[in-house]
C-alpha atoms as a PDB file:
ATOM      1  CA  UNK A   1     -41.457  28.546  53.018  1.00  0.00           C
ATOM      2  CA  UNK A   2     -39.856  25.519  51.465  1.00  0.00           C
ATOM      3  CA  UNK A   3     -41.333  23.075  49.483  1.00  0.00           C
ATOM      4  CA  UNK A   4     -39.633  20.335  51.602  1.00  0.00           C
ATOM      5  CA  UNK A   5     -40.670  20.668  55.162  1.00  0.00           C
ATOM      6  CA  UNK A   6     -38.856  18.398  57.352  1.00  0.00           C
ATOM      7  CA  UNK A   7     -40.786  17.200  60.833  1.00  0.00           C
ATOM      8  CA  UNK A   8     -38.157  15.802  63.375  1.00  0.00           C
ATOM      9  CA  UNK A   9     -37.540  11.759  62.581  1.00  0.00           C
ATOM     10  CA  UNK A  10     -37.748   9.739  65.467  1.00  0.00           C
ATOM     11  CA  UNK A  11     -35.853   6.574  65.431  1.00  0.00           C
ATOM     12  CA  UNK A  12     -36.155   4.471  68.417  1.00  0.00           C
ATOM     13  CA  UNK A  13     -36.293   7.037  70.730  1.00  0.00           C
ATOM     14  CA  UNK A  14     -33.789   9.132  69.086  1.00  0.00           C
ATOM     15  CA  UNK A  15     -34.593  12.455  67.768  1.00  0.00           C
ATOM     16  CA  UNK A  16     -32.948  13.993  64.632  1.00  0.00           C
ATOM     17  CA  UNK A  17     -33.483  17.974  63.946  1.00  0.00           C
ATOM     18  CA  UNK A  18     -33.666  19.374  60.438  1.00  0.00           C
ATOM     19  CA  UNK A  19     -29.701  20.517  60.545  1.00  0.00           C
ATOM     20  CA  UNK A  20     -28.573  16.718  60.934  1.00  0.00           C
ATOM     21  CA  UNK A  21     -30.973  15.364  58.315  1.00  0.00           C
ATOM     22  CA  UNK A  22     -29.926  18.456  55.722  1.00  0.00           C
ATOM     23  CA  UNK A  23     -26.177  17.607  56.560  1.00  0.00           C
ATOM     24  CA  UNK A  24     -26.693  13.827  55.726  1.00  0.00           C
ATOM     25  CA  UNK A  25     -28.535  14.690  52.491  1.00  0.00           C
ATOM     26  CA  UNK A  26     -25.527  16.874  51.470  1.00  0.00           C
ATOM     27  CA  UNK A  27     -22.743  14.656  52.455  1.00  0.00           C
ATOM     28  CA  UNK A  28     -24.982  12.061  50.358  1.00  0.00           C
ATOM     29  CA  UNK A  29     -24.671  14.310  47.593  1.00  0.00           C
ATOM     30  CA  UNK A  30     -21.156  14.245  47.323  1.00  0.00           C
ATOM     31  CA  UNK A  31     -20.711  10.590  47.838  1.00  0.00           C
ATOM     32  CA  UNK A  32     -23.205  10.335  44.712  1.00  0.00           C
ATOM     33  CA  UNK A  33     -20.886  12.525  42.707  1.00  0.00           C
ATOM     34  CA  UNK A  34     -18.049  10.094  43.209  1.00  0.00           C
ATOM     35  CA  UNK A  35     -19.921   7.631  40.275  1.00  0.00           C
ATOM     36  CA  UNK A  36     -18.702  10.465  37.981  1.00  0.00           C
ATOM     37  CA  UNK A  37     -15.115   8.980  37.991  1.00  0.00           C
ATOM     38  CA  UNK A  38     -16.088   5.453  36.250  1.00  0.00           C
ATOM     39  CA  UNK A  39     -17.708   6.849  33.270  1.00  0.00           C
ATOM     40  CA  UNK A  40     -14.779   9.162  32.908  1.00  0.00           C
ATOM     41  CA  UNK A  41     -12.337   6.471  33.090  1.00  0.00           C
ATOM     42  CA  UNK A  42     -14.643   4.119  30.806  1.00  0.00           C
ATOM     43  CA  UNK A  43     -15.059   6.669  28.203  1.00  0.00           C
ATOM     44  CA  UNK A  44     -11.507   7.714  27.928  1.00  0.00           C
ATOM     45  CA  UNK A  45     -10.594   3.958  27.464  1.00  0.00           C
ATOM     46  CA  UNK A  46     -12.918   3.703  24.715  1.00  0.00           C
ATOM     47  CA  UNK A  47     -11.958   6.536  22.866  1.00  0.00           C
ATOM     48  CA  UNK A  48      -8.371   5.317  23.283  1.00  0.00           C
ATOM     49  CA  UNK A  49      -9.363   1.910  21.716  1.00  0.00           C
ATOM     50  CA  UNK A  50     -11.235   3.679  19.098  1.00  0.00           C
ATOM     51  CA  UNK A  51      -8.005   5.292  18.134  1.00  0.00           C
ATOM     52  CA  UNK A  52      -5.736   2.227  17.967  1.00  0.00           C
ATOM     53  CA  UNK A  53      -8.526   0.515  15.910  1.00  0.00           C
ATOM     54  CA  UNK A  54      -8.563   3.253  13.384  1.00  0.00           C
ATOM     55  CA  UNK A  55      -4.952   3.023  13.079  1.00  0.00           C
ATOM     56  CA  UNK A  56      -4.818  -0.711  12.305  1.00  0.00           C
ATOM     57  CA  UNK A  57      -7.883  -0.174   9.792  1.00  0.00           C
ATOM     58  CA  UNK A  58      -8.615   3.195   8.553  1.00  0.00           C
ATOM     59  CA  UNK A  59     -11.132   2.180   6.347  1.00  0.00           C
ATOM     60  CA  UNK A  60     -13.497   1.137   8.916  1.00  0.00           C
ATOM     61  CA  UNK A  61     -13.551   4.747  10.528  1.00  0.00           C
ATOM     62  CA  UNK A  62     -17.030   4.965  10.168  1.00  0.00           C
ATOM     63  CA  UNK A  63     -18.423   1.454  12.224  1.00  0.00           C
ATOM     64  CA  UNK A  64     -15.376   2.467  14.852  1.00  0.00           C
ATOM     65  CA  UNK A  65     -16.615   5.704  15.393  1.00  0.00           C
ATOM     66  CA  UNK A  66     -20.230   4.965  15.471  1.00  0.00           C
ATOM     67  CA  UNK A  67     -19.895   1.828  17.974  1.00  0.00           C
ATOM     68  CA  UNK A  68     -17.403   4.088  19.922  1.00  0.00           C
ATOM     69  CA  UNK A  69     -20.261   7.008  20.402  1.00  0.00           C
ATOM     70  CA  UNK A  70     -22.671   4.299  21.325  1.00  0.00           C
ATOM     71  CA  UNK A  71     -21.016   2.746  24.067  1.00  0.00           C
ATOM     72  CA  UNK A  72     -20.100   6.165  25.204  1.00  0.00           C
ATOM     73  CA  UNK A  73     -23.342   7.339  25.457  1.00  0.00           C
ATOM     74  CA  UNK A  74     -24.491   4.224  27.443  1.00  0.00           C
ATOM     75  CA  UNK A  75     -21.498   4.646  30.224  1.00  0.00           C
ATOM     76  CA  UNK A  76     -22.592   8.479  30.400  1.00  0.00           C
ATOM     77  CA  UNK A  77     -25.781   7.442  31.793  1.00  0.00           C
ATOM     78  CA  UNK A  78     -24.409   6.178  35.268  1.00  0.00           C
ATOM     79  CA  UNK A  79     -22.804   9.649  35.698  1.00  0.00           C
ATOM     80  CA  UNK A  80     -26.399  10.988  34.725  1.00  0.00           C
ATOM     81  CA  UNK A  81     -28.088   8.850  37.092  1.00  0.00           C
ATOM     82  CA  UNK A  82     -25.628   9.963  39.841  1.00  0.00           C
ATOM     83  CA  UNK A  83     -26.059  13.533  39.042  1.00  0.00           C
ATOM     84  CA  UNK A  84     -29.739  13.359  39.464  1.00  0.00           C
ATOM     85  CA  UNK A  85     -29.788  11.712  42.431  1.00  0.00           C
ATOM     86  CA  UNK A  86     -27.500  14.255  43.800  1.00  0.00           C
ATOM     87  CA  UNK A  87     -29.561  17.216  42.954  1.00  0.00           C
ATOM     88  CA  UNK A  88     -32.165  15.678  44.495  1.00  0.00           C
ATOM     89  CA  UNK A  89     -30.344  15.282  47.795  1.00  0.00           C
ATOM     90  CA  UNK A  90     -29.353  18.763  47.322  1.00  0.00           C
ATOM     91  CA  UNK A  91     -33.010  19.988  47.038  1.00  0.00           C
ATOM     92  CA  UNK A  92     -33.788  17.971  50.281  1.00  0.00           C
ATOM     93  CA  UNK A  93     -31.052  19.536  52.025  1.00  0.00           C
ATOM     94  CA  UNK A  94     -31.880  23.155  51.628  1.00  0.00           C
END
């Protein structure tokens, strides 16, 4: 037996079975993973700008690298939240 037991959802006279709810949960998981595009673009842009900054001021490589890594870690949290939501929805879908 699955941990998540679905009962038919009744919404204003409409009844949705388990297969329909499961399909929508898996569709939502796929849509949630679209949020992974933004962090990838942002991290690539930040790394490119860091390389440009090191090219202009090589003596500041330590500060530039630290700032870039902290910024990329903050940007990655969006993708991780989307991944967690997708895993939760996949759990409901199965």
